[in-house]
Amino acid sequence: MMRALRLLFLGLLAIVLIALALANRDIVTLRLLPAEAGSFLGYSWSVQMPLFLVIFAGVLIGLLIGFVWEWIREARLRRTASRATRKANKLEAEVKTLRHEKDGPKDDVLALLETPAR
């Protein structure tokens, strides 16, 4: 059921994106700087491409910026989880050590008697 819903959603998304691309096929000029600033600095980079490519590129760049932003924002949570995991492992090792020591003799005198003679 979920697979069918996912495929239906992806199909609808594809239809919308294709319709958007077909409606925005006009060629536009994409400039790095405004024309006045480019002529003042002596550098005016520009490229001509269909409008739908500009729209799709803007969406993809926005998604990438969002993913990087969230990854940086969650770094503190990953660091805290890593520290908690290390602490839990250390405490488990300590519990194993204490259980091993607990299994030994219960009395100091018995411990002296059980130690091998040299």
N, C-alpha and C. Protein backbone atom coordinates (compact mmCIF):
# COMPACT_ATOMS: atom_id res chain seq x y z
N MET A 1 0.83 -1.19 0.00
CA MET A 1 0.00 0.00 0.00
C MET A 1 0.88 1.26 0.00
N MET A 2 1.89 1.28 0.87
CA MET A 2 2.78 2.44 0.95
C MET A 2 3.58 2.60 -0.34
N ARG A 3 3.95 1.49 -0.93
CA ARG A 3 4.70 1.56 -2.19
C ARG A 3 3.85 2.19 -3.29
N ALA A 4 2.58 1.82 -3.33
CA ALA A 4 1.68 2.39 -4.34
C ALA A 4 1.49 3.88 -4.11
N LEU A 5 1.36 4.29 -2.86
CA LEU A 5 1.23 5.72 -2.55
C LEU A 5 2.50 6.48 -2.93
N ARG A 6 3.64 5.88 -2.66
CA ARG A 6 4.90 6.52 -3.01
C ARG A 6 5.04 6.67 -4.52
N LEU A 7 4.69 5.61 -5.25
CA LEU A 7 4.77 5.68 -6.71
C LEU A 7 3.77 6.70 -7.27
N LEU A 8 2.59 6.78 -6.68
CA LEU A 8 1.60 7.76 -7.10
C LEU A 8 2.12 9.18 -6.86
N PHE A 9 2.71 9.40 -5.69
CA PHE A 9 3.28 10.72 -5.38
C PHE A 9 4.40 11.08 -6.35
N LEU A 10 5.29 10.14 -6.61
CA LEU A 10 6.40 10.40 -7.53
C LEU A 10 5.89 10.66 -8.95
N GLY A 11 4.85 9.94 -9.37
CA GLY A 11 4.27 10.17 -10.68
C GLY A 11 3.67 11.57 -10.79
N LEU A 12 2.92 11.98 -9.76
CA LEU A 12 2.33 13.32 -9.75
C LEU A 12 3.42 14.39 -9.73
N LEU A 13 4.47 14.16 -8.96
CA LEU A 13 5.58 15.11 -8.91
C LEU A 13 6.25 15.22 -10.28
N ALA A 14 6.44 14.11 -10.95
CA ALA A 14 7.06 14.13 -12.28
C ALA A 14 6.18 14.90 -13.26
N ILE A 15 4.87 14.71 -13.20
CA ILE A 15 3.96 15.44 -14.10
C ILE A 15 4.04 16.94 -13.84
N VAL A 16 4.06 17.33 -12.57
CA VAL A 16 4.14 18.75 -12.23
C VAL A 16 5.46 19.34 -12.71
N LEU A 17 6.57 18.63 -12.50
CA LEU A 17 7.87 19.14 -12.92
C LEU A 17 7.98 19.23 -14.44
N ILE A 18 7.43 18.27 -15.16
CA ILE A 18 7.45 18.32 -16.62
C ILE A 18 6.60 19.49 -17.12
N ALA A 19 5.43 19.69 -16.49
CA ALA A 19 4.57 20.82 -16.89
C ALA A 19 5.28 22.15 -16.61
N LEU A 20 5.96 22.24 -15.49
CA LEU A 20 6.71 23.46 -15.16
C LEU A 20 7.82 23.70 -16.18
N ALA A 21 8.51 22.65 -16.57
CA ALA A 21 9.59 22.79 -17.54
C ALA A 21 9.06 23.20 -18.90
N LEU A 22 7.94 22.62 -19.31
CA LEU A 22 7.38 22.97 -20.62
C LEU A 22 6.84 24.40 -20.64
N ALA A 23 6.32 24.87 -19.51
CA ALA A 23 5.78 26.23 -19.47
C ALA A 23 6.87 27.29 -19.37
N ASN A 24 8.09 26.91 -19.00
CA ASN A 24 9.17 27.88 -18.78
C ASN A 24 10.39 27.54 -19.62
N ARG A 25 10.18 27.40 -20.92
CA ARG A 25 11.27 27.05 -21.83
C ARG A 25 11.99 28.26 -22.37
N ASP A 26 11.54 29.44 -22.08
CA ASP A 26 12.16 30.65 -22.62
C ASP A 26 13.60 30.78 -22.12
N ILE A 27 14.45 31.30 -22.98
CA ILE A 27 15.87 31.49 -22.64
C ILE A 27 16.00 32.79 -21.84
N VAL A 28 16.70 32.69 -20.72
CA VAL A 28 16.97 33.86 -19.87
C VAL A 28 18.48 34.01 -19.72
N THR A 29 18.91 35.23 -19.41
CA THR A 29 20.32 35.49 -19.17
C THR A 29 20.55 35.56 -17.67
N LEU A 30 21.44 34.74 -17.20
CA LEU A 30 21.79 34.71 -15.78
C LEU A 30 23.13 35.40 -15.62
N ARG A 31 23.16 36.49 -14.84
CA ARG A 31 24.38 37.28 -14.67
C ARG A 31 24.87 37.17 -13.23
N LEU A 32 26.18 37.21 -13.09
CA LEU A 32 26.79 37.17 -11.77
C LEU A 32 26.65 38.51 -11.06
N LEU A 33 26.82 39.60 -11.79
CA LEU A 33 26.73 40.95 -11.24
C LEU A 33 25.73 41.76 -12.05
N PRO A 34 25.15 42.81 -11.46
CA PRO A 34 24.33 43.71 -12.28
C PRO A 34 25.18 44.32 -13.40
N ALA A 35 24.52 44.74 -14.47
CA ALA A 35 25.23 45.24 -15.66
C ALA A 35 26.13 46.42 -15.31
N GLU A 36 25.66 47.35 -14.47
CA GLU A 36 26.46 48.53 -14.10
C GLU A 36 27.70 48.13 -13.29
N ALA A 37 27.51 47.23 -12.33
CA ALA A 37 28.65 46.79 -11.51
C ALA A 37 29.65 46.02 -12.36
N GLY A 38 29.15 45.21 -13.28
CA GLY A 38 30.04 44.45 -14.16
C GLY A 38 30.87 45.34 -15.05
N SER A 39 30.24 46.41 -15.59
CA SER A 39 31.01 47.32 -16.44
C SER A 39 31.99 48.15 -15.63
N PHE A 40 31.64 48.49 -14.39
CA PHE A 40 32.54 49.25 -13.52
C PHE A 40 33.76 48.42 -13.13
N LEU A 41 33.54 47.15 -12.80
CA LEU A 41 34.64 46.27 -12.39
C LEU A 41 35.36 45.65 -13.58
N GLY A 42 34.78 45.73 -14.74
CA GLY A 42 35.42 45.14 -15.92
C GLY A 42 35.24 43.64 -15.98
N TYR A 43 34.27 43.11 -15.26
CA TYR A 43 34.03 41.67 -15.24
C TYR A 43 32.52 41.45 -15.26
N SER A 44 32.03 40.89 -16.32
CA SER A 44 30.59 40.62 -16.36
C SER A 44 30.38 39.22 -16.92
N TRP A 45 30.27 38.27 -16.03
CA TRP A 45 30.02 36.89 -16.41
C TRP A 45 28.53 36.70 -16.57
N SER A 46 28.12 36.05 -17.63
CA SER A 46 26.71 35.76 -17.84
C SER A 46 26.59 34.48 -18.65
N VAL A 47 25.45 33.83 -18.50
CA VAL A 47 25.17 32.61 -19.23
C VAL A 47 23.69 32.62 -19.60
N GLN A 48 23.37 32.06 -20.76
CA GLN A 48 21.99 31.96 -21.19
C GLN A 48 21.53 30.52 -21.07
N MET A 49 20.36 30.34 -20.45
CA MET A 49 19.81 29.00 -20.27
C MET A 49 18.30 29.09 -20.14
N PRO A 50 17.62 27.95 -20.30
CA PRO A 50 16.16 27.96 -20.14
C PRO A 50 15.78 28.27 -18.69
N LEU A 51 14.65 28.94 -18.53
CA LEU A 51 14.21 29.35 -17.21
C LEU A 51 13.98 28.17 -16.27
N PHE A 52 13.45 27.05 -16.79
CA PHE A 52 13.19 25.91 -15.91
C PHE A 52 14.47 25.36 -15.31
N LEU A 53 15.59 25.45 -16.03
CA LEU A 53 16.87 25.00 -15.45
C LEU A 53 17.30 25.91 -14.30
N VAL A 54 17.05 27.19 -14.44
CA VAL A 54 17.36 28.13 -13.35
C VAL A 54 16.51 27.80 -12.13
N ILE A 55 15.23 27.52 -12.35
CA ILE A 55 14.33 27.18 -11.23
C ILE A 55 14.78 25.89 -10.56
N PHE A 56 15.03 24.84 -11.36
CA PHE A 56 15.45 23.56 -10.78
C PHE A 56 16.79 23.67 -10.06
N ALA A 57 17.72 24.44 -10.65
CA ALA A 57 19.03 24.62 -10.00
C ALA A 57 18.86 25.36 -8.67
N GLY A 58 17.97 26.35 -8.64
CA GLY A 58 17.72 27.07 -7.39
C GLY A 58 17.16 26.17 -6.31
N VAL A 59 16.24 25.29 -6.70
CA VAL A 59 15.66 24.34 -5.74
C VAL A 59 16.73 23.38 -5.22
N LEU A 60 17.56 22.85 -6.13
CA LEU A 60 18.61 21.91 -5.71
C LEU A 60 19.65 22.58 -4.81
N ILE A 61 20.04 23.80 -5.15
CA ILE A 61 21.00 24.52 -4.31
C ILE A 61 20.40 24.80 -2.93
N GLY A 62 19.12 25.15 -2.89
CA GLY A 62 18.45 25.37 -1.61
C GLY A 62 18.41 24.10 -0.77
N LEU A 63 18.13 22.97 -1.41
CA LEU A 63 18.13 21.70 -0.68
C LEU A 63 19.51 21.37 -0.13
N LEU A 64 20.55 21.55 -0.94
CA LEU A 64 21.91 21.27 -0.48
C LEU A 64 22.30 22.17 0.69
N ILE A 65 21.95 23.45 0.60
CA ILE A 65 22.25 24.36 1.71
C ILE A 65 21.51 23.91 2.97
N GLY A 66 20.25 23.50 2.82
CA GLY A 66 19.48 23.02 3.97
C GLY A 66 20.08 21.77 4.59
N PHE A 67 20.51 20.83 3.74
CA PHE A 67 21.12 19.61 4.27
C PHE A 67 22.40 19.91 5.03
N VAL A 68 23.24 20.76 4.47
CA VAL A 68 24.50 21.11 5.14
C VAL A 68 24.22 21.85 6.44
N TRP A 69 23.25 22.76 6.40
CA TRP A 69 22.89 23.52 7.61
C TRP A 69 22.44 22.57 8.72
N GLU A 70 21.58 21.62 8.41
CA GLU A 70 21.11 20.67 9.41
C GLU A 70 22.24 19.77 9.90
N TRP A 71 23.13 19.36 9.02
CA TRP A 71 24.24 18.51 9.43
C TRP A 71 25.13 19.25 10.43
N ILE A 72 25.38 20.53 10.16
CA ILE A 72 26.19 21.34 11.08
C ILE A 72 25.44 21.56 12.39
N ARG A 73 24.13 21.82 12.30
CA ARG A 73 23.33 22.08 13.50
C ARG A 73 23.26 20.85 14.40
N GLU A 74 23.22 19.67 13.82
CA GLU A 74 23.10 18.44 14.59
C GLU A 74 24.44 17.87 15.04
N ALA A 75 25.53 18.56 14.77
CA ALA A 75 26.85 18.08 15.17
C ALA A 75 26.93 17.94 16.69
N ARG A 76 26.31 18.88 17.41
CA ARG A 76 26.32 18.81 18.87
C ARG A 76 25.61 17.55 19.36
N LEU A 77 24.50 17.19 18.73
CA LEU A 77 23.77 15.99 19.13
C LEU A 77 24.58 14.73 18.84
N ARG A 78 25.26 14.69 17.69
CA ARG A 78 26.10 13.53 17.37
C ARG A 78 27.26 13.41 18.35
N ARG A 79 27.84 14.56 18.73
CA ARG A 79 28.95 14.54 19.69
C ARG A 79 28.47 14.04 21.04
N THR A 80 27.30 14.49 21.49
CA THR A 80 26.74 14.05 22.78
C THR A 80 26.45 12.55 22.75
N ALA A 81 25.89 12.06 21.65
CA ALA A 81 25.60 10.62 21.53
C ALA A 81 26.88 9.80 21.54
N SER A 82 27.92 10.31 20.91
CA SER A 82 29.20 9.59 20.88
C SER A 82 29.80 9.52 22.29
N ARG A 83 29.74 10.63 23.00
CA ARG A 83 30.25 10.62 24.38
C ARG A 83 29.46 9.67 25.26
N ALA A 84 28.13 9.66 25.11
CA ALA A 84 27.29 8.77 25.92
C ALA A 84 27.59 7.31 25.61
N THR A 85 27.84 7.00 24.35
CA THR A 85 28.18 5.63 23.96
C THR A 85 29.51 5.21 24.56
N ARG A 86 30.50 6.10 24.49
CA ARG A 86 31.81 5.77 25.09
C ARG A 86 31.68 5.56 26.60
N LYS A 87 30.89 6.42 27.25
CA LYS A 87 30.71 6.30 28.70
C LYS A 87 29.99 5.00 29.04
N ALA A 88 28.98 4.64 28.26
CA ALA A 88 28.25 3.39 28.51
C ALA A 88 29.16 2.19 28.34
N ASN A 89 30.02 2.20 27.31
CA ASN A 89 30.96 1.10 27.10
C ASN A 89 31.95 1.00 28.26
N LYS A 90 32.42 2.14 28.73
CA LYS A 90 33.36 2.15 29.86
C LYS A 90 32.69 1.59 31.12
N LEU A 91 31.44 1.99 31.36
CA LEU A 91 30.72 1.50 32.53
C LEU A 91 30.41 0.01 32.43
N GLU A 92 30.10 -0.48 31.24
CA GLU A 92 29.88 -1.91 31.07
C GLU A 92 31.15 -2.71 31.36
N ALA A 93 32.29 -2.18 30.91
CA ALA A 93 33.56 -2.85 31.20
C ALA A 93 33.82 -2.86 32.70
N GLU A 94 33.50 -1.75 33.37
CA GLU A 94 33.70 -1.69 34.81
C GLU A 94 32.77 -2.67 35.53
N VAL A 95 31.55 -2.81 35.08
CA VAL A 95 30.61 -3.76 35.69
C VAL A 95 31.13 -5.19 35.53
N LYS A 96 31.66 -5.51 34.34
CA LYS A 96 32.23 -6.84 34.13
C LYS A 96 33.38 -7.09 35.10
N THR A 97 34.23 -6.08 35.28
CA THR A 97 35.37 -6.21 36.19
C THR A 97 34.88 -6.43 37.62
N LEU A 98 33.90 -5.66 38.04
CA LEU A 98 33.38 -5.79 39.40
C LEU A 98 32.70 -7.14 39.60
N ARG A 99 32.00 -7.65 38.60
CA ARG A 99 31.37 -8.97 38.73
C ARG A 99 32.42 -10.06 38.83
N HIS A 100 33.51 -9.89 38.08
CA HIS A 100 34.60 -10.88 38.13
C HIS A 100 35.23 -10.86 39.52
N GLU A 101 35.44 -9.68 40.08
CA GLU A 101 36.03 -9.57 41.42
C GLU A 101 35.07 -10.11 42.46
N LYS A 102 33.78 -9.96 42.26
CA LYS A 102 32.77 -10.42 43.21
C LYS A 102 32.76 -11.94 43.27
N ASP A 103 33.06 -12.61 42.18
CA ASP A 103 33.06 -14.06 42.14
C ASP A 103 34.22 -14.67 42.92
N GLY A 104 35.17 -13.85 43.29
CA GLY A 104 36.34 -14.33 44.03
C GLY A 104 35.98 -14.63 45.49
N PRO A 105 36.97 -14.86 46.32
CA PRO A 105 36.73 -15.19 47.73
C PRO A 105 36.03 -14.04 48.45
N LYS A 106 35.19 -14.42 49.41
CA LYS A 106 34.39 -13.43 50.12
C LYS A 106 35.13 -12.87 51.35
N ASP A 107 36.14 -13.56 51.80
CA ASP A 107 36.81 -13.17 53.04
C ASP A 107 38.30 -12.96 52.76
N ASP A 108 38.92 -11.99 53.45
CA ASP A 108 40.34 -11.71 53.24
C ASP A 108 41.21 -12.89 53.67
N VAL A 109 40.82 -13.57 54.76
CA VAL A 109 41.60 -14.71 55.25
C VAL A 109 41.55 -15.84 54.23
N LEU A 110 40.37 -16.08 53.67
CA LEU A 110 40.24 -17.13 52.64
C LEU A 110 41.03 -16.76 51.39
N ALA A 111 41.06 -15.47 51.08
CA ALA A 111 41.83 -15.03 49.92
C ALA A 111 43.31 -15.29 50.14
N LEU A 112 43.82 -15.08 51.36
CA LEU A 112 45.23 -15.36 51.67
C LEU A 112 45.53 -16.86 51.58
N LEU A 113 44.57 -17.66 52.05
CA LEU A 113 44.79 -19.11 52.02
C LEU A 113 44.74 -19.65 50.60
N GLU A 114 43.94 -19.01 49.72
CA GLU A 114 43.81 -19.51 48.37
C GLU A 114 44.92 -19.05 47.43
N THR A 115 45.71 -18.09 47.84
CA THR A 115 46.79 -17.65 46.99
C THR A 115 47.87 -18.71 46.98
N PRO A 116 48.43 -19.00 45.81
CA PRO A 116 49.45 -20.06 45.73
C PRO A 116 50.73 -19.63 46.45
N ALA A 117 51.38 -20.60 47.03
CA ALA A 117 52.64 -20.34 47.74
C ALA A 117 53.75 -20.13 46.71
N ARG A 118 54.69 -19.27 47.07
CA ARG A 118 55.79 -18.99 46.16
C ARG A 118 56.99 -19.79 46.50
